[in-house]
Amino acid sequence: VATRTEELLTATDGMISGFVKATGANQEFRDSLVDGMNASRRMGLSIQNAGVATQALFESTVSFRRASEQGRKSMILFTATLEQAGVGSQQTAKNIQILSKTLNISGEDAAKEASKMVTLAQSIGRPISQVSSDFAEAAGTISAHGDNMMQVFSELSAAAEATGLSMGNLLGIAAQFDTFDSAASAVGRLNSIMGGPYLNSIEMVYMSESERIRAMLEATE
């Protein structure tokens, strides 16, 4: 038991030293790292993952550096959990930053929003690592939908799983309808192929990306 405790203390000291060396973090963030490691250990998570998560959040998530002590611990636990599930902490930290900035919410609330990706992945049978990377790829486009961005992303993810197309391909298809000119051209081609006036270019312009994909799929049924 004594040896195991000594090993744990040595590993903890090593991670704290590495964290401070890499980030220059002060005592406040060192304490958050220790809190995160202890909480992770109690949950059966690797303390190494907690260390990786804390460094990623500190480096990539402004809202983490501004969060309360409890908020930081919550974000570390969430990120460490995903790290253990195969999602890189840098990816999770960047997604939290995107959600925090786009939705104008705290880092802790952004982590709660990000947790919806876990539920989404389970519901459509898609790996959480893929869903997380898909979100990062789609964020620049779907952030225009503000509070509805997660709903649009969920629908796009379901379409990607159903069609076998990548998120990038789906976004490229949907982008054809961003302007009236390009929408008219794309709709004209599609209606010609399908043999009827199945799609309306003006309606397609005002749809979200996921609605455009759904309209196209319904038109081909």
C-alpha atoms as a PDB file:
ATOM      1  CA  VAL A   1       0.000   0.000   0.000  1.00  0.00           C
ATOM      2  CA  ALA A   2       2.798   2.356   0.925  1.00  0.00           C
ATOM      3  CA  THR A   3       4.523   1.727  -2.400  1.00  0.00           C
ATOM      4  CA  ARG A   4       1.316   2.370  -4.321  1.00  0.00           C
ATOM      5  CA  THR A   5       0.774   5.626  -2.431  1.00  0.00           C
ATOM      6  CA  GLU A   6       4.336   6.707  -3.111  1.00  0.00           C
ATOM      7  CA  GLU A   7       3.876   5.941  -6.819  1.00  0.00           C
ATOM      8  CA  LEU A   8       0.687   7.988  -6.877  1.00  0.00           C
ATOM      9  CA  LEU A   9       2.355  10.941  -5.158  1.00  0.00           C
ATOM     10  CA  THR A  10       5.305  10.753  -7.539  1.00  0.00           C
ATOM     11  CA  ALA A  11       3.012  10.644 -10.573  1.00  0.00           C
ATOM     12  CA  THR A  12       0.992  13.574  -9.212  1.00  0.00           C
ATOM     13  CA  ASP A  13       4.093  15.668  -8.545  1.00  0.00           C
ATOM     14  CA  GLY A  14       5.391  14.866 -12.018  1.00  0.00           C
ATOM     15  CA  MET A  15       2.167  15.957 -13.707  1.00  0.00           C
ATOM     16  CA  ILE A  16       1.977  19.160 -11.694  1.00  0.00           C
ATOM     17  CA  SER A  17       5.580  20.011 -12.591  1.00  0.00           C
ATOM     18  CA  GLY A  18       4.969  19.210 -16.252  1.00  0.00           C
ATOM     19  CA  PHE A  19       1.786  21.288 -16.284  1.00  0.00           C
ATOM     20  CA  VAL A  20       3.471  24.321 -14.741  1.00  0.00           C
ATOM     21  CA  LYS A  21       6.464  24.016 -17.073  1.00  0.00           C
ATOM     22  CA  ALA A  22       4.244  23.780 -20.156  1.00  0.00           C
ATOM     23  CA  THR A  23       1.765  26.511 -19.221  1.00  0.00           C
ATOM     24  CA  GLY A  24       3.323  28.763 -16.604  1.00  0.00           C
ATOM     25  CA  ALA A  25       0.093  28.363 -14.610  1.00  0.00           C
ATOM     26  CA  ASN A  26      -0.148  29.845 -11.141  1.00  0.00           C
ATOM     27  CA  GLN A  27      -1.128  28.184  -7.844  1.00  0.00           C
ATOM     28  CA  GLU A  28      -4.850  28.597  -8.549  1.00  0.00           C
ATOM     29  CA  PHE A  29      -4.656  26.396 -11.638  1.00  0.00           C
ATOM     30  CA  ARG A  30      -2.261  23.953 -10.007  1.00  0.00           C
ATOM     31  CA  ASP A  31      -4.918  23.468  -7.321  1.00  0.00           C
ATOM     32  CA  SER A  32      -7.528  22.893 -10.031  1.00  0.00           C
ATOM     33  CA  LEU A  33      -5.298  20.230 -11.577  1.00  0.00           C
ATOM     34  CA  VAL A  34      -4.975  18.454  -8.231  1.00  0.00           C
ATOM     35  CA  ASP A  35      -8.727  18.697  -7.618  1.00  0.00           C
ATOM     36  CA  GLY A  36      -9.376  17.312 -11.089  1.00  0.00           C
ATOM     37  CA  MET A  37      -6.965  14.419 -10.612  1.00  0.00           C
ATOM     38  CA  ASN A  38      -8.448  13.507  -7.236  1.00  0.00           C
ATOM     39  CA  ALA A  39     -12.007  13.659  -8.594  1.00  0.00           C
ATOM     40  CA  SER A  40     -10.978  11.594 -11.620  1.00  0.00           C
ATOM     41  CA  ARG A  41      -9.364   8.950  -9.436  1.00  0.00           C
ATOM     42  CA  ARG A  42     -12.545   8.674  -7.343  1.00  0.00           C
ATOM     43  CA  MET A  43     -14.519   8.118 -10.549  1.00  0.00           C
ATOM     44  CA  GLY A  44     -12.163   5.410 -11.729  1.00  0.00           C
ATOM     45  CA  LEU A  45     -10.562   7.596 -14.382  1.00  0.00           C
ATOM     46  CA  SER A  46      -6.863   7.844 -15.078  1.00  0.00           C
ATOM     47  CA  ILE A  47      -5.197  10.761 -13.308  1.00  0.00           C
ATOM     48  CA  GLN A  48      -2.930  11.060 -16.359  1.00  0.00           C
ATOM     49  CA  ASN A  49      -6.003  11.833 -18.454  1.00  0.00           C
ATOM     50  CA  ALA A  50      -6.992  14.511 -15.959  1.00  0.00           C
ATOM     51  CA  GLY A  51      -3.562  16.064 -16.385  1.00  0.00           C
ATOM     52  CA  VAL A  52      -3.822  16.019 -20.174  1.00  0.00           C
ATOM     53  CA  ALA A  53      -7.350  17.464 -19.958  1.00  0.00           C
ATOM     54  CA  THR A  54      -6.315  20.303 -17.647  1.00  0.00           C
ATOM     55  CA  GLN A  55      -3.440  21.380 -19.868  1.00  0.00           C
ATOM     56  CA  ALA A  56      -5.617  21.288 -22.995  1.00  0.00           C
ATOM     57  CA  LEU A  57      -8.349  23.343 -21.331  1.00  0.00           C
ATOM     58  CA  PHE A  58      -5.878  25.871 -19.959  1.00  0.00           C
ATOM     59  CA  GLU A  59      -4.265  26.328 -23.366  1.00  0.00           C
ATOM     60  CA  SER A  60      -7.331  26.278 -25.631  1.00  0.00           C
ATOM     61  CA  THR A  61     -10.357  27.378 -23.604  1.00  0.00           C
ATOM     62  CA  VAL A  62     -10.589  30.988 -22.439  1.00  0.00           C
ATOM     63  CA  SER A  63     -13.716  30.220 -20.415  1.00  0.00           C
ATOM     64  CA  PHE A  64     -11.769  27.605 -18.420  1.00  0.00           C
ATOM     65  CA  ARG A  65      -9.298  30.233 -17.269  1.00  0.00           C
ATOM     66  CA  ARG A  66     -12.195  32.468 -16.244  1.00  0.00           C
ATOM     67  CA  ALA A  67     -14.264  29.753 -14.579  1.00  0.00           C
ATOM     68  CA  SER A  68     -14.896  29.196 -10.883  1.00  0.00           C
ATOM     69  CA  GLU A  69     -13.069  26.452  -9.000  1.00  0.00           C
ATOM     70  CA  GLN A  70     -16.110  24.165  -9.283  1.00  0.00           C
ATOM     71  CA  GLY A  71     -16.548  25.050 -12.948  1.00  0.00           C
ATOM     72  CA  ARG A  72     -12.950  24.145 -13.738  1.00  0.00           C
ATOM     73  CA  LYS A  73     -13.249  20.816 -11.941  1.00  0.00           C
ATOM     74  CA  SER A  74     -16.420  19.993 -13.856  1.00  0.00           C
ATOM     75  CA  MET A  75     -14.740  20.815 -17.179  1.00  0.00           C
ATOM     76  CA  ILE A  76     -11.664  18.753 -16.300  1.00  0.00           C
ATOM     77  CA  LEU A  77     -13.791  15.711 -15.401  1.00  0.00           C
ATOM     78  CA  PHE A  78     -15.803  15.949 -18.620  1.00  0.00           C
ATOM     79  CA  THR A  79     -12.717  16.353 -20.783  1.00  0.00           C
ATOM     80  CA  ALA A  80     -10.838  13.576 -18.976  1.00  0.00           C
ATOM     81  CA  THR A  81     -13.818  11.253 -19.421  1.00  0.00           C
ATOM     82  CA  LEU A  82     -13.825  11.866 -23.167  1.00  0.00           C
ATOM     83  CA  GLU A  83     -10.039  11.475 -23.268  1.00  0.00           C
ATOM     84  CA  GLN A  84     -10.446   8.033 -21.752  1.00  0.00           C
ATOM     85  CA  ALA A  85     -13.148   7.294 -24.354  1.00  0.00           C
ATOM     86  CA  GLY A  86     -10.768   8.137 -27.179  1.00  0.00           C
ATOM     87  CA  VAL A  87     -11.520  11.811 -27.835  1.00  0.00           C
ATOM     88  CA  GLY A  88      -8.413  13.963 -27.648  1.00  0.00           C
ATOM     89  CA  SER A  89      -8.525  16.615 -24.934  1.00  0.00           C
ATOM     90  CA  GLN A  90      -7.410  19.325 -27.351  1.00  0.00           C
ATOM     91  CA  GLN A  91     -10.426  18.502 -29.525  1.00  0.00           C
ATOM     92  CA  THR A  92     -12.809  18.661 -26.560  1.00  0.00           C
ATOM     93  CA  ALA A  93     -11.259  21.877 -25.248  1.00  0.00           C
ATOM     94  CA  LYS A  94     -11.622  23.560 -28.640  1.00  0.00           C
ATOM     95  CA  ASN A  95     -15.248  22.417 -28.947  1.00  0.00           C
ATOM     96  CA  ILE A  96     -16.025  23.837 -25.507  1.00  0.00           C
ATOM     97  CA  GLN A  97     -14.395  27.125 -26.533  1.00  0.00           C
ATOM     98  CA  ILE A  98     -16.480  27.229 -29.735  1.00  0.00           C
ATOM     99  CA  LEU A  99     -19.719  26.633 -27.826  1.00  0.00           C
ATOM    100  CA  SER A 100     -18.834  29.109 -25.086  1.00  0.00           C
ATOM    101  CA  LYS A 101     -18.035  31.878 -27.571  1.00  0.00           C
ATOM    102  CA  THR A 102     -20.885  31.173 -30.019  1.00  0.00           C
ATOM    103  CA  LEU A 103     -23.617  30.787 -27.405  1.00  0.00           C
ATOM    104  CA  ASN A 104     -22.125  33.376 -25.022  1.00  0.00           C
ATOM    105  CA  ILE A 105     -22.205  30.969 -22.080  1.00  0.00           C
ATOM    106  CA  SER A 106     -19.781  29.914 -19.361  1.00  0.00           C
ATOM    107  CA  GLY A 107     -17.262  27.159 -19.893  1.00  0.00           C
ATOM    108  CA  GLU A 108     -19.146  24.895 -17.502  1.00  0.00           C
ATOM    109  CA  ASP A 109     -22.378  25.406 -19.438  1.00  0.00           C
ATOM    110  CA  ALA A 110     -20.501  24.907 -22.710  1.00  0.00           C
ATOM    111  CA  ALA A 111     -19.245  21.550 -21.419  1.00  0.00           C
ATOM    112  CA  LYS A 112     -22.852  20.601 -20.669  1.00  0.00           C
ATOM    113  CA  GLU A 113     -23.767  21.519 -24.247  1.00  0.00           C
ATOM    114  CA  ALA A 114     -20.814  19.495 -25.517  1.00  0.00           C
ATOM    115  CA  SER A 115     -22.040  16.506 -23.503  1.00  0.00           C
ATOM    116  CA  LYS A 116     -25.015  16.369 -25.871  1.00  0.00           C
ATOM    117  CA  MET A 117     -22.576  15.010 -28.445  1.00  0.00           C
ATOM    118  CA  VAL A 118     -22.167  11.901 -26.292  1.00  0.00           C
ATOM    119  CA  THR A 119     -25.918  11.322 -26.256  1.00  0.00           C
ATOM    120  CA  LEU A 120     -26.070  12.035 -29.983  1.00  0.00           C
ATOM    121  CA  ALA A 121     -23.294   9.560 -30.751  1.00  0.00           C
ATOM    122  CA  GLN A 122     -25.086   6.856 -28.781  1.00  0.00           C
ATOM    123  CA  SER A 123     -28.450   7.562 -30.398  1.00  0.00           C
ATOM    124  CA  ILE A 124     -27.227   7.339 -34.009  1.00  0.00           C
ATOM    125  CA  GLY A 125     -24.567   4.672 -33.474  1.00  0.00           C
ATOM    126  CA  ARG A 126     -21.657   6.916 -34.452  1.00  0.00           C
ATOM    127  CA  PRO A 127     -18.326   6.937 -32.567  1.00  0.00           C
ATOM    128  CA  ILE A 128     -18.056   9.872 -30.171  1.00  0.00           C
ATOM    129  CA  SER A 129     -14.586  10.605 -31.559  1.00  0.00           C
ATOM    130  CA  GLN A 130     -16.130  11.036 -35.026  1.00  0.00           C
ATOM    131  CA  VAL A 131     -18.976  13.196 -33.729  1.00  0.00           C
ATOM    132  CA  SER A 132     -16.505  15.448 -31.906  1.00  0.00           C
ATOM    133  CA  SER A 133     -14.319  15.936 -34.962  1.00  0.00           C
ATOM    134  CA  ASP A 134     -17.406  16.459 -37.142  1.00  0.00           C
ATOM    135  CA  PHE A 135     -18.550  19.241 -34.812  1.00  0.00           C
ATOM    136  CA  ALA A 136     -15.210  20.999 -35.096  1.00  0.00           C
ATOM    137  CA  GLU A 137     -15.432  20.761 -38.891  1.00  0.00           C
ATOM    138  CA  ALA A 138     -19.015  22.030 -39.018  1.00  0.00           C
ATOM    139  CA  ALA A 139     -18.731  24.734 -36.349  1.00  0.00           C
ATOM    140  CA  GLY A 140     -17.690  27.521 -38.700  1.00  0.00           C
ATOM    141  CA  THR A 141     -20.869  26.995 -40.712  1.00  0.00           C
ATOM    142  CA  ILE A 142     -23.470  26.060 -38.115  1.00  0.00           C
ATOM    143  CA  SER A 143     -22.439  28.782 -35.648  1.00  0.00           C
ATOM    144  CA  ALA A 144     -24.559  31.113 -37.812  1.00  0.00           C
ATOM    145  CA  HIS A 145     -27.603  29.393 -36.317  1.00  0.00           C
ATOM    146  CA  GLY A 146     -26.774  30.562 -32.777  1.00  0.00           C
ATOM    147  CA  ASP A 147     -28.842  28.787 -30.144  1.00  0.00           C
ATOM    148  CA  ASN A 148     -30.026  26.286 -32.765  1.00  0.00           C
ATOM    149  CA  MET A 149     -26.541  25.206 -33.800  1.00  0.00           C
ATOM    150  CA  MET A 150     -26.604  21.960 -31.801  1.00  0.00           C
ATOM    151  CA  GLN A 151     -29.967  21.014 -33.295  1.00  0.00           C
ATOM    152  CA  VAL A 152     -28.675  21.618 -36.818  1.00  0.00           C
ATOM    153  CA  PHE A 153     -25.529  19.654 -36.001  1.00  0.00           C
ATOM    154  CA  SER A 154     -27.553  16.737 -34.622  1.00  0.00           C
ATOM    155  CA  GLU A 155     -29.601  16.567 -37.824  1.00  0.00           C
ATOM    156  CA  LEU A 156     -26.484  16.752 -40.001  1.00  0.00           C
ATOM    157  CA  SER A 157     -24.822  13.997 -37.964  1.00  0.00           C
ATOM    158  CA  ALA A 158     -27.846  11.749 -38.380  1.00  0.00           C
ATOM    159  CA  ALA A 159     -27.795  12.429 -42.130  1.00  0.00           C
ATOM    160  CA  ALA A 160     -24.078  11.638 -42.309  1.00  0.00           C
ATOM    161  CA  GLU A 161     -24.646   8.318 -40.565  1.00  0.00           C
ATOM    162  CA  ALA A 162     -27.677   7.480 -42.733  1.00  0.00           C
ATOM    163  CA  THR A 163     -26.045   8.345 -46.059  1.00  0.00           C
ATOM    164  CA  GLY A 164     -22.459   7.334 -45.365  1.00  0.00           C
ATOM    165  CA  LEU A 165     -21.269  10.765 -46.472  1.00  0.00           C
ATOM    166  CA  SER A 166     -18.694  12.690 -44.475  1.00  0.00           C
ATOM    167  CA  MET A 167     -19.623  15.874 -42.652  1.00  0.00           C
ATOM    168  CA  GLY A 168     -17.458  17.815 -45.085  1.00  0.00           C
ATOM    169  CA  ASN A 169     -19.299  16.382 -48.066  1.00  0.00           C
ATOM    170  CA  LEU A 170     -22.697  17.186 -46.558  1.00  0.00           C
ATOM    171  CA  LEU A 171     -21.662  20.762 -45.825  1.00  0.00           C
ATOM    172  CA  GLY A 172     -20.361  21.099 -49.388  1.00  0.00           C
ATOM    173  CA  ILE A 173     -23.675  19.884 -50.789  1.00  0.00           C
ATOM    174  CA  ALA A 174     -25.651  22.237 -48.546  1.00  0.00           C
ATOM    175  CA  ALA A 175     -23.403  25.184 -49.480  1.00  0.00           C
ATOM    176  CA  GLN A 176     -24.683  25.024 -53.067  1.00  0.00           C
ATOM    177  CA  PHE A 177     -27.813  26.771 -51.811  1.00  0.00           C
ATOM    178  CA  ASP A 178     -26.158  29.634 -49.938  1.00  0.00           C
ATOM    179  CA  THR A 179     -26.943  32.212 -52.637  1.00  0.00           C
ATOM    180  CA  PHE A 180     -29.913  32.661 -54.948  1.00  0.00           C
ATOM    181  CA  ASP A 181     -27.800  32.233 -58.083  1.00  0.00           C
ATOM    182  CA  SER A 182     -26.054  29.046 -56.970  1.00  0.00           C
ATOM    183  CA  ALA A 183     -29.306  27.668 -55.536  1.00  0.00           C
ATOM    184  CA  ALA A 184     -31.164  28.258 -58.797  1.00  0.00           C
ATOM    185  CA  SER A 185     -28.430  26.466 -60.718  1.00  0.00           C
ATOM    186  CA  ALA A 186     -28.258  23.515 -58.287  1.00  0.00           C
ATOM    187  CA  VAL A 187     -32.032  23.119 -58.056  1.00  0.00           C
ATOM    188  CA  GLY A 188     -32.336  23.274 -61.831  1.00  0.00           C
ATOM    189  CA  ARG A 189     -29.851  20.426 -62.209  1.00  0.00           C
ATOM    190  CA  LEU A 190     -31.437  18.316 -59.476  1.00  0.00           C
ATOM    191  CA  ASN A 191     -34.998  18.803 -60.714  1.00  0.00           C
ATOM    192  CA  SER A 192     -33.858  17.903 -64.215  1.00  0.00           C
ATOM    193  CA  ILE A 193     -32.280  14.690 -62.956  1.00  0.00           C
ATOM    194  CA  MET A 194     -35.345  13.786 -60.879  1.00  0.00           C
ATOM    195  CA  GLY A 195     -37.795  14.710 -63.653  1.00  0.00           C
ATOM    196  CA  GLY A 196     -39.992  17.220 -61.858  1.00  0.00           C
ATOM    197  CA  PRO A 197     -40.183  20.432 -59.782  1.00  0.00           C
ATOM    198  CA  TYR A 198     -39.319  18.699 -56.527  1.00  0.00           C
ATOM    199  CA  LEU A 199     -37.153  21.456 -55.050  1.00  0.00           C
ATOM    200  CA  ASN A 200     -37.667  25.223 -54.832  1.00  0.00           C
ATOM    201  CA  SER A 201     -34.521  27.348 -55.028  1.00  0.00           C
ATOM    202  CA  ILE A 202     -35.858  30.219 -52.901  1.00  0.00           C
ATOM    203  CA  GLU A 203     -37.005  27.862 -50.154  1.00  0.00           C
ATOM    204  CA  MET A 204     -33.635  26.106 -50.192  1.00  0.00           C
ATOM    205  CA  VAL A 205     -31.768  29.389 -49.640  1.00  0.00           C
ATOM    206  CA  TYR A 206     -33.674  30.077 -46.431  1.00  0.00           C
ATOM    207  CA  MET A 207     -33.292  26.558 -45.030  1.00  0.00           C
ATOM    208  CA  SER A 208     -30.600  25.479 -42.589  1.00  0.00           C
ATOM    209  CA  GLU A 209     -27.931  23.089 -43.849  1.00  0.00           C
ATOM    210  CA  SER A 210     -29.670  20.098 -42.284  1.00  0.00           C
ATOM    211  CA  GLU A 211     -33.051  21.121 -43.723  1.00  0.00           C
ATOM    212  CA  ARG A 212     -31.506  21.337 -47.210  1.00  0.00           C
ATOM    213  CA  ILE A 213     -30.086  17.831 -46.904  1.00  0.00           C
ATOM    214  CA  ARG A 214     -33.408  16.501 -45.634  1.00  0.00           C
ATOM    215  CA  ALA A 215     -35.308  18.175 -48.485  1.00  0.00           C
ATOM    216  CA  MET A 216     -32.982  16.587 -51.026  1.00  0.00           C
ATOM    217  CA  LEU A 217     -33.302  13.153 -49.452  1.00  0.00           C
ATOM    218  CA  GLU A 218     -37.086  13.403 -49.314  1.00  0.00           C
ATOM    219  CA  ALA A 219     -37.209  14.478 -52.942  1.00  0.00           C
ATOM    220  CA  THR A 220     -35.396  11.323 -54.001  1.00  0.00           C
ATOM    221  CA  GLU A 221     -37.595   8.911 -52.041  1.00  0.00           C
END
